[in-house]
Amino acid sequence: MRYTRLGVTMGSLATAALFTSACSPSSHDNAASANRVTDEEVASFANRMAGEAPPPVPVGKPFALSEKTDLLEFVYAYPGQAAAVPALSSKLGKAMAEAKANALKMAREDQKSAKDAGYPFRPHSLETRWTVTADTPRFLALKSQTYIFTGGAHGMTGYDTLLWDRHAKLETSLAAMMTSSTAFASAIHDRFCAELDRQRAEKRGARVIRGDDDFTRCIDPMKEVLVLTSKDGKLIDGVTVVVGPYSAGPYAEGTYDVALPIDGAIRKAIKTEYQDAFVPAR
């Protein structure tokens, strides 16, 4: 998980030519077999070319675990769309188990330290909730929000993202789809800075005067959490830069969600093989 300071590409399907041979299987035959597309892939490609709606995406049962003890309050949840993908369900399950084990270890150590020092122990909290930000025929995008409290003055909130490519049937990332991080940074920089300052001014009740500190200057959006979004569930139509507490303002200002609709500059910074999953440039 990142605290905000803190792929496989898939080309177009080709028409498969099938040949028979009386010869015994050879390395050439094996290679040809490995490269043949499945009936399902051919049908999917044909439907997309014909403009037909893709088959419905299976949805599993949402997962949620909530436990509270004298040591730790632990919450972990993810939506049915993620539960329906075995690879994602397995990944999130392992992450949950590891996070819980580490949180319990830290809580036990703090409890012992508190007892030895003769002061009250304050139970810890670890809460992670995954939500869907884009659910399109090509991509499933998830964002997590994690709250951690370890007995200090206040807790901290962090964010992360997951991206599943339904065509390639693999986890990928926005970074893997960029022509380059430099090109993508250039495509979003000015709009990000303008919107961040607008939101800062709204929260502060005064225009932002640029200075040398992170609370007034424009921070680097590429160091924050970038989340793909879709309003209609058909195509990716936006990128939200999630800026956590302390990154662009004091803790009291909380998180900044800087939403950037897809435009020509962003689309140009996306590799050609992924562009049909994004809304056309306006």
C-alpha atoms as a PDB file:
ATOM      1  CA  MET A   1       0.000   0.000   0.000  1.00  0.00           C
ATOM      2  CA  ARG A   2       1.165   3.492  -0.776  1.00  0.00           C
ATOM      3  CA  TYR A   3       0.582   6.423   1.472  1.00  0.00           C
ATOM      4  CA  THR A   4       0.687   8.951  -1.357  1.00  0.00           C
ATOM      5  CA  ARG A   5       3.982  10.334  -0.350  1.00  0.00           C
ATOM      6  CA  LEU A   6       4.390   7.349   0.222  1.00  0.00           C
ATOM      7  CA  GLY A   7       0.975  -6.380 -18.490  1.00  0.00           C
ATOM      8  CA  VAL A   8       0.650  -7.827 -20.783  1.00  0.00           C
ATOM      9  CA  THR A   9      -0.305  -6.147 -24.049  1.00  0.00           C
ATOM     10  CA  MET A  10      -2.855  -7.806 -26.252  1.00  0.00           C
ATOM     11  CA  GLY A  11      -2.900  -7.199 -29.984  1.00  0.00           C
ATOM     12  CA  SER A  12      -5.726  -7.785 -32.419  1.00  0.00           C
ATOM     13  CA  LEU A  13      -6.765 -11.359 -33.042  1.00  0.00           C
ATOM     14  CA  ALA A  14      -5.604 -12.742 -36.372  1.00  0.00           C
ATOM     15  CA  THR A  15      -7.511 -15.202 -38.544  1.00  0.00           C
ATOM     16  CA  ALA A  16      -6.102 -18.660 -37.856  1.00  0.00           C
ATOM     17  CA  ALA A  17      -5.307 -20.888 -40.832  1.00  0.00           C
ATOM     18  CA  LEU A  18      -5.509 -24.561 -39.945  1.00  0.00           C
ATOM     19  CA  PHE A  19      -3.436 -27.119 -41.808  1.00  0.00           C
ATOM     20  CA  THR A  20      -3.402 -30.864 -41.529  1.00  0.00           C
ATOM     21  CA  SER A  21      -0.420 -33.062 -42.099  1.00  0.00           C
ATOM     22  CA  ALA A  22       0.193 -36.767 -42.315  1.00  0.00           C
ATOM     23  CA  CYS A  23       3.560 -36.267 -40.670  1.00  0.00           C
ATOM     24  CA  SER A  24       4.191 -36.898 -37.009  1.00  0.00           C
ATOM     25  CA  PRO A  25       3.987 -33.843 -34.680  1.00  0.00           C
ATOM     26  CA  SER A  26       6.943 -31.482 -35.000  1.00  0.00           C
ATOM     27  CA  SER A  27       8.168 -28.389 -33.167  1.00  0.00           C
ATOM     28  CA  HIS A  28       6.531 -26.351 -35.949  1.00  0.00           C
ATOM     29  CA  ASP A  29       3.199 -28.096 -35.292  1.00  0.00           C
ATOM     30  CA  ASN A  30       3.491 -27.431 -31.576  1.00  0.00           C
ATOM     31  CA  ALA A  31       4.237 -23.756 -32.140  1.00  0.00           C
ATOM     32  CA  ALA A  32       1.275 -23.414 -34.496  1.00  0.00           C
ATOM     33  CA  SER A  33      -0.983 -25.097 -31.944  1.00  0.00           C
ATOM     34  CA  ALA A  34       0.203 -22.785 -29.188  1.00  0.00           C
ATOM     35  CA  ASN A  35      -0.554 -19.737 -31.347  1.00  0.00           C
ATOM     36  CA  ARG A  36      -4.074 -20.746 -32.344  1.00  0.00           C
ATOM     37  CA  VAL A  37      -6.796 -18.580 -30.866  1.00  0.00           C
ATOM     38  CA  THR A  38      -9.657 -20.209 -29.031  1.00  0.00           C
ATOM     39  CA  ASP A  39     -13.249 -20.245 -30.278  1.00  0.00           C
ATOM     40  CA  GLU A  40     -14.134 -17.961 -27.360  1.00  0.00           C
ATOM     41  CA  GLU A  41     -11.501 -15.401 -28.401  1.00  0.00           C
ATOM     42  CA  VAL A  42     -12.594 -15.488 -32.045  1.00  0.00           C
ATOM     43  CA  ALA A  43     -16.245 -14.995 -31.037  1.00  0.00           C
ATOM     44  CA  SER A  44     -15.317 -12.139 -28.712  1.00  0.00           C
ATOM     45  CA  PHE A  45     -13.314 -10.380 -31.433  1.00  0.00           C
ATOM     46  CA  ALA A  46     -16.087 -10.850 -33.980  1.00  0.00           C
ATOM     47  CA  ASN A  47     -18.693  -9.451 -31.607  1.00  0.00           C
ATOM     48  CA  ARG A  48     -16.588  -6.391 -30.890  1.00  0.00           C
ATOM     49  CA  MET A  49     -16.032  -5.768 -34.597  1.00  0.00           C
ATOM     50  CA  ALA A  50     -19.777  -6.076 -35.198  1.00  0.00           C
ATOM     51  CA  GLY A  51     -20.546  -3.662 -32.401  1.00  0.00           C
ATOM     52  CA  GLU A  52     -22.406  -6.248 -30.368  1.00  0.00           C
ATOM     53  CA  ALA A  53     -22.515  -6.007 -26.591  1.00  0.00           C
ATOM     54  CA  PRO A  54     -19.970  -8.221 -24.827  1.00  0.00           C
ATOM     55  CA  PRO A  55     -21.214 -11.050 -22.604  1.00  0.00           C
ATOM     56  CA  PRO A  56     -22.045 -10.010 -19.035  1.00  0.00           C
ATOM     57  CA  VAL A  57     -19.147 -10.005 -16.613  1.00  0.00           C
ATOM     58  CA  PRO A  58     -19.620 -12.493 -13.771  1.00  0.00           C
ATOM     59  CA  VAL A  59     -19.972 -10.961 -10.322  1.00  0.00           C
ATOM     60  CA  GLY A  60     -19.122 -12.856  -7.171  1.00  0.00           C
ATOM     61  CA  LYS A  61     -20.225 -12.357  -3.618  1.00  0.00           C
ATOM     62  CA  PRO A  62     -18.687  -9.324  -1.859  1.00  0.00           C
ATOM     63  CA  PHE A  63     -16.217 -10.226   0.866  1.00  0.00           C
ATOM     64  CA  ALA A  64     -16.088  -8.549   4.272  1.00  0.00           C
ATOM     65  CA  LEU A  65     -14.318  -9.487   7.493  1.00  0.00           C
ATOM     66  CA  SER A  66     -14.707  -7.475  10.684  1.00  0.00           C
ATOM     67  CA  GLU A  67     -13.116  -8.460  13.999  1.00  0.00           C
ATOM     68  CA  LYS A  68     -12.575  -6.523  17.225  1.00  0.00           C
ATOM     69  CA  THR A  69     -10.466  -7.623  20.198  1.00  0.00           C
ATOM     70  CA  ASP A  70      -8.686  -5.915  23.084  1.00  0.00           C
ATOM     71  CA  LEU A  71      -5.647  -5.720  20.819  1.00  0.00           C
ATOM     72  CA  LEU A  72      -6.938  -4.859  17.376  1.00  0.00           C
ATOM     73  CA  GLU A  73      -9.957  -3.786  15.389  1.00  0.00           C
ATOM     74  CA  PHE A  74      -9.489  -5.339  11.948  1.00  0.00           C
ATOM     75  CA  VAL A  75     -11.619  -4.810   8.856  1.00  0.00           C
ATOM     76  CA  TYR A  76     -10.979  -6.034   5.316  1.00  0.00           C
ATOM     77  CA  ALA A  77     -13.483  -5.890   2.453  1.00  0.00           C
ATOM     78  CA  TYR A  78     -13.590  -6.111  -1.325  1.00  0.00           C
ATOM     79  CA  PRO A  79     -16.440  -6.092  -3.881  1.00  0.00           C
ATOM     80  CA  GLY A  80     -18.066  -8.941  -5.765  1.00  0.00           C
ATOM     81  CA  GLN A  81     -16.371  -7.995  -9.030  1.00  0.00           C
ATOM     82  CA  ALA A  82     -12.997  -8.772  -7.453  1.00  0.00           C
ATOM     83  CA  ALA A  83     -14.303 -11.917  -5.757  1.00  0.00           C
ATOM     84  CA  ALA A  84     -15.381 -13.215  -9.192  1.00  0.00           C
ATOM     85  CA  VAL A  85     -11.754 -13.195 -10.413  1.00  0.00           C
ATOM     86  CA  PRO A  86      -9.866 -16.084  -8.739  1.00  0.00           C
ATOM     87  CA  ALA A  87      -6.467 -14.424  -9.172  1.00  0.00           C
ATOM     88  CA  LEU A  88      -7.647 -11.201  -7.532  1.00  0.00           C
ATOM     89  CA  SER A  89      -9.534 -13.010  -4.783  1.00  0.00           C
ATOM     90  CA  SER A  90      -6.396 -15.016  -3.998  1.00  0.00           C
ATOM     91  CA  LYS A  91      -4.160 -11.930  -4.053  1.00  0.00           C
ATOM     92  CA  LEU A  92      -6.444  -9.947  -1.771  1.00  0.00           C
ATOM     93  CA  GLY A  93      -6.887 -12.908   0.571  1.00  0.00           C
ATOM     94  CA  LYS A  94      -3.126 -13.256   0.983  1.00  0.00           C
ATOM     95  CA  ALA A  95      -2.731  -9.510   1.479  1.00  0.00           C
ATOM     96  CA  MET A  96      -5.424  -9.578   4.153  1.00  0.00           C
ATOM     97  CA  ALA A  97      -3.794 -12.445   6.053  1.00  0.00           C
ATOM     98  CA  GLU A  98      -0.372 -10.782   5.951  1.00  0.00           C
ATOM     99  CA  ALA A  99      -1.748  -7.399   7.017  1.00  0.00           C
ATOM    100  CA  LYS A 100      -3.626  -8.922   9.941  1.00  0.00           C
ATOM    101  CA  ALA A 101      -0.609 -10.910  11.127  1.00  0.00           C
ATOM    102  CA  ASN A 102       1.648  -7.838  11.024  1.00  0.00           C
ATOM    103  CA  ALA A 103      -0.955  -5.652  12.757  1.00  0.00           C
ATOM    104  CA  LEU A 104      -1.428  -8.190  15.562  1.00  0.00           C
ATOM    105  CA  LYS A 105       2.329  -8.500  16.037  1.00  0.00           C
ATOM    106  CA  MET A 106       2.705  -4.723  16.378  1.00  0.00           C
ATOM    107  CA  ALA A 107      -0.286  -4.482  18.727  1.00  0.00           C
ATOM    108  CA  ARG A 108       1.109  -7.197  21.002  1.00  0.00           C
ATOM    109  CA  GLU A 109       4.486  -5.476  21.120  1.00  0.00           C
ATOM    110  CA  ASP A 110       2.893  -2.109  21.958  1.00  0.00           C
ATOM    111  CA  GLN A 111       0.691  -3.699  24.599  1.00  0.00           C
ATOM    112  CA  LYS A 112       3.753  -5.212  26.281  1.00  0.00           C
ATOM    113  CA  SER A 113       5.648  -1.907  26.099  1.00  0.00           C
ATOM    114  CA  ALA A 114       2.688  -0.072  27.632  1.00  0.00           C
ATOM    115  CA  LYS A 115       2.454  -2.585  30.479  1.00  0.00           C
ATOM    116  CA  ASP A 116       6.191  -2.414  31.177  1.00  0.00           C
ATOM    117  CA  ALA A 117       6.085   1.400  31.204  1.00  0.00           C
ATOM    118  CA  GLY A 118       2.966   1.527  33.339  1.00  0.00           C
ATOM    119  CA  TYR A 119       0.667   3.429  30.971  1.00  0.00           C
ATOM    120  CA  PRO A 120      -2.653   2.394  29.352  1.00  0.00           C
ATOM    121  CA  PHE A 121      -2.558   0.521  26.058  1.00  0.00           C
ATOM    122  CA  ARG A 122      -4.707   1.964  23.286  1.00  0.00           C
ATOM    123  CA  PRO A 123      -6.045  -0.762  20.949  1.00  0.00           C
ATOM    124  CA  HIS A 124      -4.882  -0.547  17.343  1.00  0.00           C
ATOM    125  CA  SER A 125      -7.017  -0.379  14.208  1.00  0.00           C
ATOM    126  CA  LEU A 126      -6.426  -1.537  10.653  1.00  0.00           C
ATOM    127  CA  GLU A 127      -9.263  -1.104   8.160  1.00  0.00           C
ATOM    128  CA  THR A 128      -8.937  -1.727   4.417  1.00  0.00           C
ATOM    129  CA  ARG A 129     -11.843  -1.354   2.029  1.00  0.00           C
ATOM    130  CA  TRP A 130     -11.588  -1.924  -1.729  1.00  0.00           C
ATOM    131  CA  THR A 131     -14.117  -0.280  -4.053  1.00  0.00           C
ATOM    132  CA  VAL A 132     -14.724  -0.376  -7.812  1.00  0.00           C
ATOM    133  CA  THR A 133     -13.767   2.745  -9.765  1.00  0.00           C
ATOM    134  CA  ALA A 134     -14.160   1.276 -13.267  1.00  0.00           C
ATOM    135  CA  ASP A 135     -15.969  -1.869 -14.393  1.00  0.00           C
ATOM    136  CA  THR A 136     -15.783  -2.065 -18.176  1.00  0.00           C
ATOM    137  CA  PRO A 137     -15.643  -4.992 -20.637  1.00  0.00           C
ATOM    138  CA  ARG A 138     -11.860  -4.522 -20.837  1.00  0.00           C
ATOM    139  CA  PHE A 139     -10.808  -3.377 -17.359  1.00  0.00           C
ATOM    140  CA  LEU A 140     -11.747  -3.757 -13.711  1.00  0.00           C
ATOM    141  CA  ALA A 141     -10.180  -0.975 -11.653  1.00  0.00           C
ATOM    142  CA  LEU A 142     -10.193  -1.014  -7.855  1.00  0.00           C
ATOM    143  CA  LYS A 143      -9.113   1.514  -5.243  1.00  0.00           C
ATOM    144  CA  SER A 144      -8.373   0.751  -1.611  1.00  0.00           C
ATOM    145  CA  GLN A 145      -8.586   3.047   1.370  1.00  0.00           C
ATOM    146  CA  THR A 146      -6.730   1.900   4.461  1.00  0.00           C
ATOM    147  CA  TYR A 147      -6.977   3.494   7.885  1.00  0.00           C
ATOM    148  CA  ILE A 148      -4.288   2.704  10.460  1.00  0.00           C
ATOM    149  CA  PHE A 149      -4.271   3.682  14.113  1.00  0.00           C
ATOM    150  CA  THR A 150      -1.413   2.581  16.358  1.00  0.00           C
ATOM    151  CA  GLY A 151      -2.097   4.597  19.495  1.00  0.00           C
ATOM    152  CA  GLY A 152      -0.800   8.021  18.422  1.00  0.00           C
ATOM    153  CA  ALA A 153      -2.519  11.398  18.258  1.00  0.00           C
ATOM    154  CA  HIS A 154      -4.502  10.306  15.204  1.00  0.00           C
ATOM    155  CA  GLY A 155      -4.610   7.608  12.583  1.00  0.00           C
ATOM    156  CA  MET A 156      -3.359   7.760   9.010  1.00  0.00           C
ATOM    157  CA  THR A 157      -5.104   6.987   5.751  1.00  0.00           C
ATOM    158  CA  GLY A 158      -3.414   5.476   2.711  1.00  0.00           C
ATOM    159  CA  TYR A 159      -4.543   4.419  -0.750  1.00  0.00           C
ATOM    160  CA  ASP A 160      -3.674   1.871  -3.396  1.00  0.00           C
ATOM    161  CA  THR A 161      -5.056   0.623  -6.695  1.00  0.00           C
ATOM    162  CA  LEU A 162      -5.443  -2.625  -8.647  1.00  0.00           C
ATOM    163  CA  LEU A 163      -6.138  -3.034 -12.350  1.00  0.00           C
ATOM    164  CA  TRP A 164      -7.320  -6.258 -13.992  1.00  0.00           C
ATOM    165  CA  ASP A 165      -7.189  -6.714 -17.770  1.00  0.00           C
ATOM    166  CA  ARG A 166     -10.130  -8.951 -18.666  1.00  0.00           C
ATOM    167  CA  HIS A 167      -8.893  -9.571 -22.217  1.00  0.00           C
ATOM    168  CA  ALA A 168      -5.403 -10.652 -21.182  1.00  0.00           C
ATOM    169  CA  LYS A 169      -6.733 -12.220 -17.951  1.00  0.00           C
ATOM    170  CA  LEU A 170      -3.861 -10.691 -16.028  1.00  0.00           C
ATOM    171  CA  GLU A 171      -3.244  -7.973 -13.471  1.00  0.00           C
ATOM    172  CA  THR A 172      -1.700  -4.911 -15.089  1.00  0.00           C
ATOM    173  CA  SER A 173      -1.252  -1.239 -14.252  1.00  0.00           C
ATOM    174  CA  LEU A 174      -1.791   2.201 -15.692  1.00  0.00           C
ATOM    175  CA  ALA A 175       1.990   2.582 -15.843  1.00  0.00           C
ATOM    176  CA  ALA A 176       2.170  -0.444 -18.162  1.00  0.00           C
ATOM    177  CA  MET A 177      -0.237   1.261 -20.560  1.00  0.00           C
ATOM    178  CA  MET A 178       1.657   4.545 -20.773  1.00  0.00           C
ATOM    179  CA  THR A 179       3.873   5.285 -23.749  1.00  0.00           C
ATOM    180  CA  SER A 180       6.192   6.675 -21.053  1.00  0.00           C
ATOM    181  CA  SER A 181       5.803   8.117 -17.585  1.00  0.00           C
ATOM    182  CA  THR A 182       7.254  11.391 -18.865  1.00  0.00           C
ATOM    183  CA  ALA A 183       4.633  11.648 -21.611  1.00  0.00           C
ATOM    184  CA  PHE A 184       1.800  10.877 -19.204  1.00  0.00           C
ATOM    185  CA  ALA A 185       3.105  13.349 -16.610  1.00  0.00           C
ATOM    186  CA  SER A 186       3.225  16.052 -19.262  1.00  0.00           C
ATOM    187  CA  ALA A 187      -0.324  15.202 -20.367  1.00  0.00           C
ATOM    188  CA  ILE A 188      -1.852  15.660 -16.908  1.00  0.00           C
ATOM    189  CA  HIS A 189       0.445  18.156 -15.163  1.00  0.00           C
ATOM    190  CA  ASP A 190      -1.196  21.490 -15.949  1.00  0.00           C
ATOM    191  CA  ARG A 191      -4.779  20.314 -15.461  1.00  0.00           C
ATOM    192  CA  PHE A 192      -3.827  18.547 -12.246  1.00  0.00           C
ATOM    193  CA  CYS A 193      -2.127  21.631 -10.802  1.00  0.00           C
ATOM    194  CA  ALA A 194      -5.056  23.890 -11.678  1.00  0.00           C
ATOM    195  CA  GLU A 195      -7.652  21.551 -10.157  1.00  0.00           C
ATOM    196  CA  LEU A 196      -5.556  20.885  -7.051  1.00  0.00           C
ATOM    197  CA  ASP A 197      -5.235  24.619  -6.401  1.00  0.00           C
ATOM    198  CA  ARG A 198      -8.968  25.078  -6.984  1.00  0.00           C
ATOM    199  CA  GLN A 199      -9.733  22.438  -4.367  1.00  0.00           C
ATOM    200  CA  ARG A 200      -7.129  23.863  -1.982  1.00  0.00           C
ATOM    201  CA  ALA A 201      -8.667  27.321  -2.261  1.00  0.00           C
ATOM    202  CA  GLU A 202     -12.126  25.872  -1.647  1.00  0.00           C
ATOM    203  CA  LYS A 203     -10.982  24.143   1.533  1.00  0.00           C
ATOM    204  CA  ARG A 204      -8.923  27.073   2.769  1.00  0.00           C
ATOM    205  CA  GLY A 205     -11.285  29.841   1.792  1.00  0.00           C
ATOM    206  CA  ALA A 206      -8.522  31.776   0.077  1.00  0.00           C
ATOM    207  CA  ARG A 207      -6.571  31.740  -3.180  1.00  0.00           C
ATOM    208  CA  VAL A 208      -3.417  29.627  -3.127  1.00  0.00           C
ATOM    209  CA  ILE A 209      -0.197  31.611  -3.318  1.00  0.00           C
ATOM    210  CA  ARG A 210       2.517  29.367  -4.719  1.00  0.00           C
ATOM    211  CA  GLY A 211       5.518  28.897  -2.442  1.00  0.00           C
ATOM    212  CA  ASP A 212       8.372  26.473  -1.841  1.00  0.00           C
ATOM    213  CA  ASP A 213       6.506  24.075   0.450  1.00  0.00           C
ATOM    214  CA  ASP A 214       4.329  21.116  -0.550  1.00  0.00           C
ATOM    215  CA  PHE A 215       1.218  22.763   0.870  1.00  0.00           C
ATOM    216  CA  THR A 216       1.309  25.594  -1.689  1.00  0.00           C
ATOM    217  CA  ARG A 217       3.346  24.440  -4.674  1.00  0.00           C
ATOM    218  CA  CYS A 218       2.082  21.927  -7.223  1.00  0.00           C
ATOM    219  CA  ILE A 219       3.227  18.475  -6.175  1.00  0.00           C
ATOM    220  CA  ASP A 220       4.212  15.729  -8.620  1.00  0.00           C
ATOM    221  CA  PRO A 221       1.028  13.795  -9.523  1.00  0.00           C
ATOM    222  CA  MET A 222       3.070  10.804 -10.681  1.00  0.00           C
ATOM    223  CA  LYS A 223       4.156  10.191  -7.073  1.00  0.00           C
ATOM    224  CA  GLU A 224       0.537   9.882  -5.977  1.00  0.00           C
ATOM    225  CA  VAL A 225      -2.017   7.115  -6.576  1.00  0.00           C
ATOM    226  CA  LEU A 226      -3.488   7.180 -10.105  1.00  0.00           C
ATOM    227  CA  VAL A 227      -6.883   5.513 -10.433  1.00  0.00           C
ATOM    228  CA  LEU A 228      -8.766   4.793 -13.672  1.00  0.00           C
ATOM    229  CA  THR A 229     -12.493   5.618 -13.597  1.00  0.00           C
ATOM    230  CA  SER A 230     -15.591   4.970 -15.693  1.00  0.00           C
ATOM    231  CA  LYS A 231     -19.039   6.481 -15.243  1.00  0.00           C
ATOM    232  CA  ASP A 232     -20.967   4.391 -17.774  1.00  0.00           C
ATOM    233  CA  GLY A 233     -19.189   1.033 -17.417  1.00  0.00           C
ATOM    234  CA  LYS A 234     -18.315   0.957 -21.113  1.00  0.00           C
ATOM    235  CA  LEU A 235     -15.039   2.827 -21.505  1.00  0.00           C
ATOM    236  CA  ILE A 236     -12.426   4.411 -19.253  1.00  0.00           C
ATOM    237  CA  ASP A 237     -13.343   8.096 -19.121  1.00  0.00           C
ATOM    238  CA  GLY A 238     -11.123   9.544 -16.413  1.00  0.00           C
ATOM    239  CA  VAL A 239      -8.055   9.353 -14.220  1.00  0.00           C
ATOM    240  CA  THR A 240      -8.273  10.433 -10.586  1.00  0.00           C
ATOM    241  CA  VAL A 241      -5.124  11.447  -8.760  1.00  0.00           C
ATOM    242  CA  VAL A 242      -5.623  10.501  -5.100  1.00  0.00           C
ATOM    243  CA  VAL A 243      -3.543  12.733  -2.833  1.00  0.00           C
ATOM    244  CA  GLY A 244      -3.478  11.614   0.787  1.00  0.00           C
ATOM    245  CA  PRO A 245      -3.154  13.684   3.985  1.00  0.00           C
ATOM    246  CA  TYR A 246       0.068  15.708   4.377  1.00  0.00           C
ATOM    247  CA  SER A 247       0.989  15.407   0.691  1.00  0.00           C
ATOM    248  CA  ALA A 248      -0.645  18.618  -0.562  1.00  0.00           C
ATOM    249  CA  GLY A 249      -1.977  20.141   2.644  1.00  0.00           C
ATOM    250  CA  PRO A 250      -2.143  19.729   6.426  1.00  0.00           C
ATOM    251  CA  TYR A 251      -3.760  16.658   7.963  1.00  0.00           C
ATOM    252  CA  ALA A 252      -6.980  18.564   8.666  1.00  0.00           C
ATOM    253  CA  GLU A 253      -7.567  19.044   4.919  1.00  0.00           C
ATOM    254  CA  GLY A 254      -7.771  15.294   4.428  1.00  0.00           C
ATOM    255  CA  THR A 255      -7.522  13.677   1.014  1.00  0.00           C
ATOM    256  CA  TYR A 256      -7.647  15.430  -2.352  1.00  0.00           C
ATOM    257  CA  ASP A 257      -9.332  13.528  -5.190  1.00  0.00           C
ATOM    258  CA  VAL A 258      -8.271  15.315  -8.364  1.00  0.00           C
ATOM    259  CA  ALA A 259     -10.449  13.970 -11.184  1.00  0.00           C
ATOM    260  CA  LEU A 260      -9.174  14.460 -14.744  1.00  0.00           C
ATOM    261  CA  PRO A 261     -11.471  13.495 -17.639  1.00  0.00           C
ATOM    262  CA  ILE A 262      -9.715  11.716 -20.510  1.00  0.00           C
ATOM    263  CA  ASP A 263      -8.677  14.194 -23.189  1.00  0.00           C
ATOM    264  CA  GLY A 264      -6.567  14.043 -26.330  1.00  0.00           C
ATOM    265  CA  ALA A 265      -3.306  14.535 -24.428  1.00  0.00           C
ATOM    266  CA  ILE A 266      -3.961  11.643 -22.046  1.00  0.00           C
ATOM    267  CA  ARG A 267      -5.153   9.383 -24.834  1.00  0.00           C
ATOM    268  CA  LYS A 268      -2.003  10.133 -26.840  1.00  0.00           C
ATOM    269  CA  ALA A 269       0.105   9.100 -23.834  1.00  0.00           C
ATOM    270  CA  ILE A 270      -1.587   5.654 -23.810  1.00  0.00           C
ATOM    271  CA  LYS A 271      -0.159   2.858 -25.953  1.00  0.00           C
ATOM    272  CA  THR A 272      -2.088   2.197 -29.161  1.00  0.00           C
ATOM    273  CA  GLU A 273      -3.159  -1.323 -28.162  1.00  0.00           C
ATOM    274  CA  TYR A 274      -5.072   0.044 -25.159  1.00  0.00           C
ATOM    275  CA  GLN A 275      -6.625   3.159 -26.665  1.00  0.00           C
ATOM    276  CA  ASP A 276      -9.870   1.480 -27.724  1.00  0.00           C
ATOM    277  CA  ALA A 277     -10.641   0.938 -24.018  1.00  0.00           C
ATOM    278  CA  PHE A 278     -10.660   4.727 -23.451  1.00  0.00           C
ATOM    279  CA  VAL A 279     -13.259   7.283 -24.519  1.00  0.00           C
ATOM    280  CA  PRO A 280     -12.450   9.052 -27.808  1.00  0.00           C
ATOM    281  CA  ALA A 281     -10.709  12.413 -27.573  1.00  0.00           C
ATOM    282  CA  ARG A 282     -13.089  15.353 -27.521  1.00  0.00           C
END
